[in-house]
Amino acid sequence: MKRIIKLSMGLLLASSIVLAEATPTIEEEALGLRKTNLYDEDNATKGDGTQYGDAMAGTSQKIERAFQDAPPMIPHSIEGMLPITINNNMCKGCHMPDVAPALKATPIPDSHFTDFRPKHTYDGKEFKKAIDEMKNEVSIEKKKELIGARFNCSQCHAPQSKNEAPKNNFTPEFTTPDGANKSSWNGSKLTEGLDTLAD
């Protein structure tokens, strides 16, 4: 019995050594973007500082999307355009669909003019749901003006920094031929898969 136990322990030890050798060890210096000593805070790494593009709107080069239907990056300077508020949005001056083509700007898509929220009511005393509890809370209504929930452009769209990016081997697979430059989330795709209450 002792011999079986010793043999089992020997096999277990040998297999753990083989597994330890087969698993590559990653040094902690390779774990992040920081290349300085992790334990030396007196000489801590300082960031490069963000270097956004300084081209004026209308003179910049459009940036391809990172993946299908990704929010486009802002290729121009946004100095003086922030903060964006619901009543003061300088982006609309060039990106509204009726003026964007003439200015060679990306037009705001249909999705930003579509209200997906049901309209509940509250009179100060009683809250009333606009829809049946047993159905999806989706009520779609197309509007002519930008939907209030979509006024803050910089919540999804960001200016592109010129800094050196970490290495990345991600390769996008676009589902439409012009997916690197145009959103496909419009028309019937806006409601695809939704059990809507109103069209």
Protein backbone atom coordinates (compact mmCIF):
# COMPACT_ATOMS: atom_id res chain seq x y z
CA MET A 1 0.00 0.00 0.00
CA LYS A 2 2.85 2.37 0.90
CA ARG A 3 4.45 1.59 -2.43
CA ILE A 4 1.25 2.56 -4.35
CA ILE A 5 1.01 5.83 -2.41
CA LYS A 6 4.67 6.66 -3.15
CA LEU A 7 4.20 5.80 -6.82
CA SER A 8 1.05 7.97 -7.01
CA MET A 9 2.81 10.88 -5.31
CA GLY A 10 5.75 10.54 -7.70
CA LEU A 11 3.46 10.60 -10.74
CA LEU A 12 1.59 13.62 -9.38
CA LEU A 13 4.84 15.50 -8.76
CA ALA A 14 6.19 14.63 -12.23
CA SER A 15 2.98 15.74 -13.96
CA SER A 16 2.96 19.06 -12.07
CA ILE A 17 6.57 19.71 -13.16
CA VAL A 18 5.66 18.97 -16.80
CA LEU A 19 2.61 21.28 -16.60
CA ALA A 20 4.69 24.04 -15.00
CA GLU A 21 7.22 23.84 -17.81
CA ALA A 22 4.51 23.80 -20.51
CA THR A 23 2.82 26.97 -19.23
CA PRO A 24 4.77 30.06 -20.31
CA THR A 25 5.49 32.60 -17.60
CA ILE A 26 4.57 36.19 -18.36
CA GLU A 27 6.77 38.76 -16.73
CA GLU A 28 4.86 41.51 -14.91
CA GLU A 29 6.60 44.21 -17.01
CA ALA A 30 4.76 42.81 -20.05
CA LEU A 31 1.28 42.92 -18.49
CA GLY A 32 0.43 46.55 -19.19
CA LEU A 33 1.32 49.55 -21.30
CA ARG A 34 3.59 50.94 -18.60
CA LYS A 35 7.24 50.10 -19.32
CA THR A 36 8.78 51.60 -16.17
CA ASN A 37 9.32 49.93 -12.80
CA LEU A 38 5.97 49.19 -11.19
CA TYR A 39 7.42 49.62 -7.69
CA ASP A 40 9.17 52.98 -8.23
CA GLU A 41 6.55 55.65 -7.66
CA ASP A 42 9.16 58.42 -7.31
CA ASN A 43 9.89 58.03 -11.02
CA ALA A 44 6.40 56.96 -12.01
CA THR A 45 5.37 56.81 -15.63
CA LYS A 46 3.86 60.00 -16.94
CA GLY A 47 1.38 59.85 -19.78
CA ASP A 48 2.21 61.30 -23.18
CA GLY A 49 -0.73 63.67 -22.99
CA THR A 50 -3.54 63.46 -25.50
CA GLN A 51 -2.83 64.99 -28.89
CA TYR A 52 -6.12 65.44 -30.69
CA GLY A 53 -6.26 66.40 -34.34
CA ASP A 54 -6.19 70.15 -34.92
CA ALA A 55 -7.76 70.24 -38.40
CA MET A 56 -10.77 72.53 -38.60
CA ALA A 57 -14.18 71.04 -39.35
CA GLY A 58 -14.62 70.61 -43.10
CA THR A 59 -10.87 70.27 -43.75
CA SER A 60 -10.23 66.95 -42.01
CA GLN A 61 -9.99 63.42 -43.40
CA LYS A 62 -12.78 61.02 -42.31
CA ILE A 63 -11.65 58.11 -40.14
CA GLU A 64 -12.77 54.58 -41.05
CA ARG A 65 -14.99 52.88 -38.47
CA ALA A 66 -13.39 50.34 -36.15
CA PHE A 67 -16.16 47.79 -36.83
CA GLN A 68 -19.57 47.56 -38.50
CA ASP A 69 -21.87 50.34 -37.24
CA ALA A 70 -19.29 51.70 -34.79
CA PRO A 71 -19.94 55.34 -33.88
CA PRO A 72 -17.67 57.35 -36.22
CA MET A 73 -14.66 59.10 -34.67
CA ILE A 74 -14.55 62.90 -34.86
CA PRO A 75 -11.74 63.73 -37.32
CA HIS A 76 -11.60 67.48 -36.59
CA SER A 77 -10.87 69.79 -33.68
CA ILE A 78 -13.75 70.26 -31.23
CA GLU A 79 -12.24 73.27 -29.51
CA GLY A 80 -14.98 75.75 -28.65
CA MET A 81 -17.74 73.20 -29.37
CA LEU A 82 -17.98 71.77 -25.86
CA PRO A 83 -19.91 71.41 -23.68
CA ILE A 84 -22.77 70.15 -25.82
CA THR A 85 -26.16 70.79 -24.25
CA ILE A 86 -29.67 70.00 -25.41
CA ASN A 87 -30.16 73.69 -26.30
CA ASN A 88 -26.64 74.41 -27.61
CA ASN A 89 -25.27 71.79 -29.99
CA MET A 90 -22.82 73.14 -32.58
CA CYS A 91 -22.56 69.70 -34.24
CA LYS A 92 -26.06 70.10 -35.69
CA GLY A 93 -24.91 73.08 -37.77
CA CYS A 94 -22.99 70.77 -40.15
CA HIS A 95 -24.31 67.26 -39.49
CA MET A 96 -28.09 67.66 -39.86
CA PRO A 97 -29.17 65.52 -42.86
CA ASP A 98 -30.45 68.50 -44.88
CA VAL A 99 -27.08 70.34 -44.84
CA ALA A 100 -24.49 67.56 -44.35
CA PRO A 101 -24.12 66.51 -48.03
CA ALA A 102 -23.37 70.08 -49.15
CA LEU A 103 -20.74 70.42 -46.41
CA LYS A 104 -19.32 66.90 -47.05
CA ALA A 105 -20.07 66.04 -43.42
CA THR A 106 -21.40 62.74 -42.10
CA PRO A 107 -25.19 63.18 -41.71
CA ILE A 108 -26.84 62.33 -38.42
CA PRO A 109 -28.53 58.93 -39.05
CA ASP A 110 -32.23 58.01 -38.89
CA SER A 111 -31.73 56.30 -35.53
CA HIS A 112 -31.05 59.69 -33.90
CA PHE A 113 -34.43 60.96 -35.11
CA THR A 114 -36.31 57.90 -33.84
CA ASP A 115 -37.78 57.89 -30.35
CA PHE A 116 -37.71 54.37 -28.88
CA ARG A 117 -39.10 55.34 -25.47
CA PRO A 118 -42.71 54.80 -24.42
CA LYS A 119 -44.37 57.91 -22.99
CA HIS A 120 -45.43 57.24 -19.41
CA THR A 121 -47.33 59.95 -17.52
CA TYR A 122 -47.05 61.30 -14.01
CA ASP A 123 -49.39 64.02 -12.78
CA GLY A 124 -47.62 64.50 -9.45
CA LYS A 125 -49.72 61.88 -7.69
CA GLU A 126 -50.16 58.89 -9.95
CA PHE A 127 -47.73 57.23 -12.36
CA LYS A 128 -49.36 55.58 -15.39
CA LYS A 129 -47.51 53.28 -17.73
CA ALA A 130 -48.15 53.92 -21.40
CA ILE A 131 -47.98 50.25 -22.30
CA ASP A 132 -49.02 46.79 -21.20
CA GLU A 133 -46.72 45.13 -18.59
CA MET A 134 -46.69 41.92 -20.60
CA LYS A 135 -45.17 43.42 -23.75
CA ASN A 136 -41.78 44.89 -24.57
CA GLU A 137 -41.42 48.51 -23.50
CA VAL A 138 -40.75 49.76 -26.99
CA SER A 139 -42.77 52.42 -28.74
CA ILE A 140 -41.20 53.73 -31.92
CA GLU A 141 -41.99 57.16 -33.27
CA LYS A 142 -40.07 58.95 -36.04
CA LYS A 143 -39.50 62.66 -35.48
CA LYS A 144 -38.19 65.55 -37.57
CA GLU A 145 -36.00 66.92 -34.80
CA LEU A 146 -33.06 65.27 -33.04
CA ILE A 147 -34.33 63.09 -30.17
CA GLY A 148 -33.49 64.53 -26.76
CA ALA A 149 -31.79 61.31 -25.66
CA ARG A 150 -29.33 61.72 -28.56
CA PHE A 151 -28.29 65.35 -28.07
CA ASN A 152 -24.93 64.59 -26.40
CA CYS A 153 -22.84 63.68 -29.46
CA SER A 154 -19.59 63.29 -27.51
CA GLN A 155 -21.12 60.53 -25.38
CA CYS A 156 -20.52 58.08 -28.26
CA HIS A 157 -18.41 60.03 -30.76
CA ALA A 158 -14.92 60.99 -29.70
CA PRO A 159 -12.07 62.89 -31.33
CA GLN A 160 -9.19 60.69 -32.51
CA SER A 161 -5.95 61.03 -30.59
CA LYS A 162 -2.66 61.03 -32.51
CA ASN A 163 -0.83 59.10 -29.78
CA GLU A 164 0.75 55.75 -30.52
CA ALA A 165 -1.84 53.07 -29.85
CA PRO A 166 -1.08 49.70 -28.27
CA LYS A 167 -0.54 46.89 -30.77
CA ASN A 168 -3.84 45.39 -31.83
CA ASN A 169 -4.44 42.43 -34.11
CA PHE A 170 -8.22 42.92 -34.34
CA THR A 171 -9.44 42.84 -37.93
CA PRO A 172 -13.02 43.99 -38.53
CA GLU A 173 -15.35 42.03 -40.79
CA PHE A 174 -17.82 44.49 -42.25
CA THR A 175 -21.27 43.13 -43.10
CA THR A 176 -21.86 45.72 -45.81
CA PRO A 177 -19.48 46.77 -48.61
CA ASP A 178 -19.34 50.37 -47.31
CA GLY A 179 -19.34 49.36 -43.60
CA ALA A 180 -16.02 51.11 -42.89
CA ASN A 181 -17.58 54.44 -43.82
CA LYS A 182 -21.33 54.14 -43.38
CA SER A 183 -23.80 52.83 -40.81
CA SER A 184 -26.22 50.10 -41.85
CA TRP A 185 -28.51 50.76 -38.88
CA ASN A 186 -31.32 52.54 -40.71
CA GLY A 187 -34.63 51.83 -42.41
CA SER A 188 -36.10 48.45 -41.42
CA LYS A 189 -32.92 47.55 -39.50
CA LEU A 190 -33.95 50.01 -36.79
CA THR A 191 -36.83 47.76 -35.78
CA GLU A 192 -35.38 44.37 -36.74
CA GLY A 193 -36.13 41.88 -33.98
CA LEU A 194 -38.29 44.27 -31.95
CA ASP A 195 -41.89 43.53 -31.00
CA THR A 196 -42.99 47.13 -31.42
CA LEU A 197 -46.21 48.71 -30.26
CA ALA A 198 -46.28 51.62 -32.67
CA ASP A 199 -44.63 52.28 -36.02
